[in-house]
Amino acid sequence: MITSAYVLIEAASGKIGHIIEELRRIPEVAACDAVTGQYDVIARIEADDINALGRVSYAKIQMIDGVLRTITCSIVRMD
């Protein structure tokens, strides 16, 4: 079963386009969009388990130049 999460990303000034380009290169990123509000980018990630999701968030997304901070919100299935 695939585990999914939304990653809320705060970006440095002028880095949103670069971050989205880099996110699209990560295989576990199913979708990403620039948004308005407190965060600048939201990415939906998918992996085999919760530990793999954490590794994607920490080892891949947080290491992108211009990412200031992230919040990972695991998706809970209610069905």
PDB file of N, CA and C in Angstrom:
ATOM      1  N   MET A   1       0.835  -1.174   0.000  1.00  0.00           N
ATOM      2  CA  MET A   1       0.000   0.000   0.000  1.00  0.00           C
ATOM      3  C   MET A   1       0.889   1.249   0.000  1.00  0.00           C
ATOM      4  N   ILE A   2       0.581   2.170  -0.884  1.00  0.00           N
ATOM      5  CA  ILE A   2       1.336   3.413  -0.987  1.00  0.00           C
ATOM      6  C   ILE A   2       0.905   4.372   0.123  1.00  0.00           C
ATOM      7  N   THR A   3       1.863   5.022   0.739  1.00  0.00           N
ATOM      8  CA  THR A   3       1.613   6.039   1.755  1.00  0.00           C
ATOM      9  C   THR A   3       1.872   7.398   1.129  1.00  0.00           C
ATOM     10  N   SER A   4       1.000   8.358   1.423  1.00  0.00           N
ATOM     11  CA  SER A   4       1.112   9.681   0.805  1.00  0.00           C
ATOM     12  C   SER A   4       1.154  10.773   1.854  1.00  0.00           C
ATOM     13  N   ALA A   5       1.685  11.919   1.457  1.00  0.00           N
ATOM     14  CA  ALA A   5       1.728  13.075   2.344  1.00  0.00           C
ATOM     15  C   ALA A   5       1.786  14.343   1.499  1.00  0.00           C
ATOM     16  N   TYR A   6       1.369  15.440   2.118  1.00  0.00           N
ATOM     17  CA  TYR A   6       1.566  16.759   1.536  1.00  0.00           C
ATOM     18  C   TYR A   6       2.752  17.386   2.257  1.00  0.00           C
ATOM     19  N   VAL A   7       3.630  18.005   1.493  1.00  0.00           N
ATOM     20  CA  VAL A   7       4.762  18.717   2.080  1.00  0.00           C
ATOM     21  C   VAL A   7       4.547  20.203   1.793  1.00  0.00           C
ATOM     22  N   LEU A   8       4.404  20.982   2.867  1.00  0.00           N
ATOM     23  CA  LEU A   8       4.232  22.421   2.765  1.00  0.00           C
ATOM     24  C   LEU A   8       5.613  23.049   2.827  1.00  0.00           C
ATOM     25  N   ILE A   9       5.941  23.855   1.836  1.00  0.00           N
ATOM     26  CA  ILE A   9       7.311  24.352   1.692  1.00  0.00           C
ATOM     27  C   ILE A   9       7.333  25.876   1.737  1.00  0.00           C
ATOM     28  N   GLU A  10       8.175  26.404   2.602  1.00  0.00           N
ATOM     29  CA  GLU A  10       8.440  27.841   2.630  1.00  0.00           C
ATOM     30  C   GLU A  10       9.723  28.075   1.841  1.00  0.00           C
ATOM     31  N   ALA A  11       9.661  28.969   0.862  1.00  0.00           N
ATOM     32  CA  ALA A  11      10.789  29.190  -0.041  1.00  0.00           C
ATOM     33  C   ALA A  11      11.465  30.533   0.216  1.00  0.00           C
ATOM     34  N   ALA A  12      12.745  30.587  -0.093  1.00  0.00           N
ATOM     35  CA  ALA A  12      13.473  31.850  -0.065  1.00  0.00           C
ATOM     36  C   ALA A  12      12.980  32.710  -1.227  1.00  0.00           C
ATOM     37  N   SER A  13      13.130  33.989  -1.090  1.00  0.00           N
ATOM     38  CA  SER A  13      12.695  34.938  -2.114  1.00  0.00           C
ATOM     39  C   SER A  13      13.325  34.611  -3.468  1.00  0.00           C
ATOM     40  N   GLY A  14      12.480  34.517  -4.494  1.00  0.00           N
ATOM     41  CA  GLY A  14      12.949  34.265  -5.846  1.00  0.00           C
ATOM     42  C   GLY A  14      13.284  32.827  -6.172  1.00  0.00           C
ATOM     43  N   LYS A  15      13.016  31.894  -5.277  1.00  0.00           N
ATOM     44  CA  LYS A  15      13.428  30.495  -5.467  1.00  0.00           C
ATOM     45  C   LYS A  15      12.274  29.544  -5.804  1.00  0.00           C
ATOM     46  N   ILE A  16      11.041  30.044  -5.887  1.00  0.00           N
ATOM     47  CA  ILE A  16       9.901  29.142  -6.093  1.00  0.00           C
ATOM     48  C   ILE A  16      10.043  28.351  -7.394  1.00  0.00           C
ATOM     49  N   GLY A  17      10.364  29.008  -8.491  1.00  0.00           N
ATOM     50  CA  GLY A  17      10.508  28.310  -9.770  1.00  0.00           C
ATOM     51  C   GLY A  17      11.574  27.232  -9.730  1.00  0.00           C
ATOM     52  N   HIS A  18      12.709  27.548  -9.122  1.00  0.00           N
ATOM     53  CA  HIS A  18      13.801  26.577  -8.990  1.00  0.00           C
ATOM     54  C   HIS A  18      13.357  25.376  -8.156  1.00  0.00           C
ATOM     55  N   ILE A  19      12.671  25.628  -7.063  1.00  0.00           N
ATOM     56  CA  ILE A  19      12.220  24.540  -6.187  1.00  0.00           C
ATOM     57  C   ILE A  19      11.255  23.624  -6.929  1.00  0.00           C
ATOM     58  N   ILE A  20      10.316  24.191  -7.662  1.00  0.00           N
ATOM     59  CA  ILE A  20       9.363  23.361  -8.413  1.00  0.00           C
ATOM     60  C   ILE A  20      10.087  22.525  -9.463  1.00  0.00           C
ATOM     61  N   GLU A  21      11.056  23.096 -10.160  1.00  0.00           N
ATOM     62  CA  GLU A  21      11.849  22.335 -11.128  1.00  0.00           C
ATOM     63  C   GLU A  21      12.528  21.143 -10.461  1.00  0.00           C
ATOM     64  N   GLU A  22      13.139  21.378  -9.300  1.00  0.00           N
ATOM     65  CA  GLU A  22      13.834  20.303  -8.589  1.00  0.00           C
ATOM     66  C   GLU A  22      12.856  19.248  -8.064  1.00  0.00           C
ATOM     67  N   LEU A  23      11.702  19.694  -7.567  1.00  0.00           N
ATOM     68  CA  LEU A  23      10.699  18.738  -7.080  1.00  0.00           C
ATOM     69  C   LEU A  23      10.251  17.794  -8.188  1.00  0.00           C
ATOM     70  N   ARG A  24      10.095  18.306  -9.387  1.00  0.00           N
ATOM     71  CA  ARG A  24       9.633  17.486 -10.518  1.00  0.00           C
ATOM     72  C   ARG A  24      10.641  16.419 -10.901  1.00  0.00           C
ATOM     73  N   ARG A  25      11.869  16.539 -10.454  1.00  0.00           N
ATOM     74  CA  ARG A  25      12.909  15.532 -10.725  1.00  0.00           C
ATOM     75  C   ARG A  25      12.909  14.395  -9.695  1.00  0.00           C
ATOM     76  N   ILE A  26      12.185  14.567  -8.612  1.00  0.00           N
ATOM     77  CA  ILE A  26      12.157  13.551  -7.552  1.00  0.00           C
ATOM     78  C   ILE A  26      11.041  12.557  -7.862  1.00  0.00           C
ATOM     79  N   PRO A  27      11.368  11.277  -8.037  1.00  0.00           N
ATOM     80  CA  PRO A  27      10.355  10.294  -8.443  1.00  0.00           C
ATOM     81  C   PRO A  27       9.167  10.175  -7.486  1.00  0.00           C
ATOM     82  N   GLU A  28       9.391  10.380  -6.203  1.00  0.00           N
ATOM     83  CA  GLU A  28       8.310  10.229  -5.217  1.00  0.00           C
ATOM     84  C   GLU A  28       7.340  11.411  -5.198  1.00  0.00           C
ATOM     85  N   VAL A  29       7.665  12.494  -5.890  1.00  0.00           N
ATOM     86  CA  VAL A  29       6.769  13.658  -5.935  1.00  0.00           C
ATOM     87  C   VAL A  29       5.723  13.409  -7.011  1.00  0.00           C
ATOM     88  N   ALA A  30       4.468  13.217  -6.570  1.00  0.00           N
ATOM     89  CA  ALA A  30       3.364  12.951  -7.490  1.00  0.00           C
ATOM     90  C   ALA A  30       2.840  14.238  -8.114  1.00  0.00           C
ATOM     91  N   ALA A  31       2.915  15.351  -7.380  1.00  0.00           N
ATOM     92  CA  ALA A  31       2.438  16.640  -7.874  1.00  0.00           C
ATOM     93  C   ALA A  31       3.043  17.742  -7.023  1.00  0.00           C
ATOM     94  N   CYS A  32       3.166  18.936  -7.594  1.00  0.00           N
ATOM     95  CA  CYS A  32       3.609  20.098  -6.831  1.00  0.00           C
ATOM     96  C   CYS A  32       3.071  21.353  -7.487  1.00  0.00           C
ATOM     97  N   ASP A  33       2.757  22.325  -6.646  1.00  0.00           N
ATOM     98  CA  ASP A  33       2.197  23.576  -7.130  1.00  0.00           C
ATOM     99  C   ASP A  33       2.675  24.735  -6.272  1.00  0.00           C
ATOM    100  N   ALA A  34       2.845  25.888  -6.910  1.00  0.00           N
ATOM    101  CA  ALA A  34       3.054  27.130  -6.172  1.00  0.00           C
ATOM    102  C   ALA A  34       1.687  27.565  -5.654  1.00  0.00           C
ATOM    103  N   VAL A  35       1.644  28.074  -4.432  1.00  0.00           N
ATOM    104  CA  VAL A  35       0.386  28.478  -3.815  1.00  0.00           C
ATOM    105  C   VAL A  35       0.560  29.826  -3.117  1.00  0.00           C
ATOM    106  N   THR A  36      -0.572  30.437  -2.773  1.00  0.00           N
ATOM    107  CA  THR A  36      -0.525  31.663  -1.987  1.00  0.00           C
ATOM    108  C   THR A  36      -0.766  31.319  -0.527  1.00  0.00           C
ATOM    109  N   GLY A  37      -0.407  32.224   0.346  1.00  0.00           N
ATOM    110  CA  GLY A  37      -0.618  31.998   1.777  1.00  0.00           C
ATOM    111  C   GLY A  37       0.691  31.879   2.509  1.00  0.00           C
ATOM    112  N   GLN A  38       0.647  31.226   3.642  1.00  0.00           N
ATOM    113  CA  GLN A  38       1.820  31.113   4.502  1.00  0.00           C
ATOM    114  C   GLN A  38       2.946  30.327   3.837  1.00  0.00           C
ATOM    115  N   TYR A  39       2.598  29.328   3.024  1.00  0.00           N
ATOM    116  CA  TYR A  39       3.608  28.518   2.346  1.00  0.00           C
ATOM    117  C   TYR A  39       3.633  28.894   0.879  1.00  0.00           C
ATOM    118  N   ASP A  40       4.720  28.569   0.205  1.00  0.00           N
ATOM    119  CA  ASP A  40       4.917  28.962  -1.186  1.00  0.00           C
ATOM    120  C   ASP A  40       4.691  27.832  -2.175  1.00  0.00           C
ATOM    121  N   VAL A  41       4.956  26.604  -1.738  1.00  0.00           N
ATOM    122  CA  VAL A  41       4.823  25.432  -2.597  1.00  0.00           C
ATOM    123  C   VAL A  41       4.221  24.305  -1.772  1.00  0.00           C
ATOM    124  N   ILE A  42       3.328  23.535  -2.403  1.00  0.00           N
ATOM    125  CA  ILE A  42       2.816  22.316  -1.780  1.00  0.00           C
ATOM    126  C   ILE A  42       3.117  21.162  -2.728  1.00  0.00           C
ATOM    127  N   ALA A  43       3.726  20.109  -2.190  1.00  0.00           N
ATOM    128  CA  ALA A  43       4.031  18.915  -2.970  1.00  0.00           C
ATOM    129  C   ALA A  43       3.297  17.724  -2.366  1.00  0.00           C
ATOM    130  N   ARG A  44       2.808  16.847  -3.223  1.00  0.00           N
ATOM    131  CA  ARG A  44       2.229  15.581  -2.756  1.00  0.00           C
ATOM    132  C   ARG A  44       3.277  14.510  -3.056  1.00  0.00           C
ATOM    133  N   ILE A  45       3.670  13.791  -2.013  1.00  0.00           N
ATOM    134  CA  ILE A  45       4.673  12.740  -2.187  1.00  0.00           C
ATOM    135  C   ILE A  45       4.056  11.384  -1.878  1.00  0.00           C
ATOM    136  N   GLU A  46       4.611  10.352  -2.509  1.00  0.00           N
ATOM    137  CA  GLU A  46       4.149   8.982  -2.315  1.00  0.00           C
ATOM    138  C   GLU A  46       5.349   8.071  -2.133  1.00  0.00           C
ATOM    139  N   ALA A  47       5.227   7.128  -1.209  1.00  0.00           N
ATOM    140  CA  ALA A  47       6.313   6.170  -0.956  1.00  0.00           C
ATOM    141  C   ALA A  47       5.713   4.886  -0.391  1.00  0.00           C
ATOM    142  N   ASP A  48       6.563   3.890  -0.189  1.00  0.00           N
ATOM    143  CA  ASP A  48       6.099   2.589   0.272  1.00  0.00           C
ATOM    144  C   ASP A  48       5.631   2.584   1.719  1.00  0.00           C
ATOM    145  N   ASP A  49       6.205   3.439   2.563  1.00  0.00           N
ATOM    146  CA  ASP A  49       5.814   3.474   3.970  1.00  0.00           C
ATOM    147  C   ASP A  49       6.147   4.825   4.568  1.00  0.00           C
ATOM    148  N   ILE A  50       5.763   5.026   5.812  1.00  0.00           N
ATOM    149  CA  ILE A  50       5.953   6.317   6.476  1.00  0.00           C
ATOM    150  C   ILE A  50       7.432   6.672   6.629  1.00  0.00           C
ATOM    151  N   ASN A  51       8.273   5.691   6.833  1.00  0.00           N
ATOM    152  CA  ASN A  51       9.706   5.957   6.961  1.00  0.00           C
ATOM    153  C   ASN A  51      10.286   6.448   5.636  1.00  0.00           C
ATOM    154  N   ALA A  52       9.848   5.849   4.540  1.00  0.00           N
ATOM    155  CA  ALA A  52      10.312   6.282   3.222  1.00  0.00           C
ATOM    156  C   ALA A  52       9.833   7.705   2.931  1.00  0.00           C
ATOM    157  N   LEU A  53       8.625   8.043   3.358  1.00  0.00           N
ATOM    158  CA  LEU A  53       8.132   9.416   3.197  1.00  0.00           C
ATOM    159  C   LEU A  53       9.040  10.396   3.933  1.00  0.00           C
ATOM    160  N   GLY A  54       9.406  10.048   5.137  1.00  0.00           N
ATOM    161  CA  GLY A  54      10.294  10.905   5.922  1.00  0.00           C
ATOM    162  C   GLY A  54      11.637  11.105   5.246  1.00  0.00           C
ATOM    163  N   ARG A  55      12.158  10.054   4.646  1.00  0.00           N
ATOM    164  CA  ARG A  55      13.445  10.160   3.953  1.00  0.00           C
ATOM    165  C   ARG A  55      13.335  11.084   2.735  1.00  0.00           C
ATOM    166  N   VAL A  56      12.214  11.002   2.019  1.00  0.00           N
ATOM    167  CA  VAL A  56      12.018  11.891   0.862  1.00  0.00           C
ATOM    168  C   VAL A  56      11.988  13.336   1.342  1.00  0.00           C
ATOM    169  N   SER A  57      11.226  13.599   2.379  1.00  0.00           N
ATOM    170  CA  SER A  57      11.097  14.955   2.889  1.00  0.00           C
ATOM    171  C   SER A  57      12.437  15.484   3.384  1.00  0.00           C
ATOM    172  N   TYR A  58      13.131  14.700   4.171  1.00  0.00           N
ATOM    173  CA  TYR A  58      14.381  15.170   4.778  1.00  0.00           C
ATOM    174  C   TYR A  58      15.549  15.151   3.797  1.00  0.00           C
ATOM    175  N   ALA A  59      15.785  14.015   3.167  1.00  0.00           N
ATOM    176  CA  ALA A  59      17.005  13.845   2.371  1.00  0.00           C
ATOM    177  C   ALA A  59      16.910  14.438   0.971  1.00  0.00           C
ATOM    178  N   LYS A  60      15.705  14.655   0.481  1.00  0.00           N
ATOM    179  CA  LYS A  60      15.577  15.174  -0.880  1.00  0.00           C
ATOM    180  C   LYS A  60      14.989  16.586  -0.905  1.00  0.00           C
ATOM    181  N   ILE A  61      13.821  16.775  -0.333  1.00  0.00           N
ATOM    182  CA  ILE A  61      13.140  18.063  -0.450  1.00  0.00           C
ATOM    183  C   ILE A  61      13.836  19.143   0.371  1.00  0.00           C
ATOM    184  N   GLN A  62      14.169  18.860   1.622  1.00  0.00           N
ATOM    185  CA  GLN A  62      14.788  19.883   2.462  1.00  0.00           C
ATOM    186  C   GLN A  62      16.183  20.283   1.987  1.00  0.00           C
ATOM    187  N   MET A  63      16.799  19.472   1.147  1.00  0.00           N
ATOM    188  CA  MET A  63      18.131  19.768   0.647  1.00  0.00           C
ATOM    189  C   MET A  63      18.127  20.628  -0.610  1.00  0.00           C
ATOM    190  N   ILE A  64      16.945  20.916  -1.162  1.00  0.00           N
ATOM    191  CA  ILE A  64      16.863  21.757  -2.352  1.00  0.00           C
ATOM    192  C   ILE A  64      17.242  23.194  -1.983  1.00  0.00           C
ATOM    193  N   ASP A  65      18.086  23.793  -2.786  1.00  0.00           N
ATOM    194  CA  ASP A  65      18.491  25.177  -2.562  1.00  0.00           C
ATOM    195  C   ASP A  65      17.265  26.083  -2.577  1.00  0.00           C
ATOM    196  N   GLY A  66      17.114  26.889  -1.549  1.00  0.00           N
ATOM    197  CA  GLY A  66      15.991  27.812  -1.458  1.00  0.00           C
ATOM    198  C   GLY A  66      14.869  27.354  -0.553  1.00  0.00           C
ATOM    199  N   VAL A  67      14.879  26.090  -0.145  1.00  0.00           N
ATOM    200  CA  VAL A  67      13.866  25.598   0.796  1.00  0.00           C
ATOM    201  C   VAL A  67      14.276  26.051   2.194  1.00  0.00           C
ATOM    202  N   LEU A  68      13.433  26.855   2.810  1.00  0.00           N
ATOM    203  CA  LEU A  68      13.739  27.360   4.151  1.00  0.00           C
ATOM    204  C   LEU A  68      13.242  26.426   5.239  1.00  0.00           C
ATOM    205  N   ARG A  69      12.006  25.956   5.094  1.00  0.00           N
ATOM    206  CA  ARG A  69      11.459  24.986   6.058  1.00  0.00           C
ATOM    207  C   ARG A  69      10.300  24.249   5.427  1.00  0.00           C
ATOM    208  N   THR A  70      10.020  23.084   5.990  1.00  0.00           N
ATOM    209  CA  THR A  70       8.926  22.251   5.480  1.00  0.00           C
ATOM    210  C   THR A  70       8.082  21.728   6.640  1.00  0.00           C
ATOM    211  N   ILE A  71       6.853  21.406   6.315  1.00  0.00           N
ATOM    212  CA  ILE A  71       5.978  20.663   7.218  1.00  0.00           C
ATOM    213  C   ILE A  71       5.411  19.511   6.401  1.00  0.00           C
ATOM    214  N   THR A  72       5.548  18.302   6.893  1.00  0.00           N
ATOM    215  CA  THR A  72       5.026  17.132   6.205  1.00  0.00           C
ATOM    216  C   THR A  72       3.745  16.682   6.894  1.00  0.00           C
ATOM    217  N   CYS A  73       2.672  16.603   6.113  1.00  0.00           N
ATOM    218  CA  CYS A  73       1.345  16.222   6.621  1.00  0.00           C
ATOM    219  C   CYS A  73       0.949  14.897   5.988  1.00  0.00           C
ATOM    220  N   SER A  74       1.030  13.812   6.758  1.00  0.00           N
ATOM    221  CA  SER A  74       0.652  12.504   6.229  1.00  0.00           C
ATOM    222  C   SER A  74      -0.844  12.473   5.945  1.00  0.00           C
ATOM    223  N   ILE A  75      -1.193  11.838   4.841  1.00  0.00           N
ATOM    224  CA  ILE A  75      -2.606  11.712   4.465  1.00  0.00           C
ATOM    225  C   ILE A  75      -3.193  10.518   5.196  1.00  0.00           C
ATOM    226  N   VAL A  76      -4.333  10.729   5.838  1.00  0.00           N
ATOM    227  CA  VAL A  76      -5.028   9.683   6.586  1.00  0.00           C
ATOM    228  C   VAL A  76      -6.251   9.270   5.776  1.00  0.00           C
ATOM    229  N   ARG A  77      -6.341   8.028   5.434  1.00  0.00           N
ATOM    230  CA  ARG A  77      -7.493   7.519   4.674  1.00  0.00           C
ATOM    231  C   ARG A  77      -8.650   7.267   5.633  1.00  0.00           C
ATOM    232  N   MET A  78      -9.805   7.810   5.330  1.00  0.00           N
ATOM    233  CA  MET A  78     -10.972   7.699   6.202  1.00  0.00           C
ATOM    234  C   MET A  78     -12.013   6.702   5.661  1.00  0.00           C
ATOM    235  N   ASP A  79     -11.653   5.896   4.646  1.00  0.00           N
ATOM    236  CA  ASP A  79     -12.614   4.941   4.086  1.00  0.00           C
ATOM    237  C   ASP A  79     -12.399   3.548   4.588  1.00  0.00           C
TER     238      ASP A  79
END
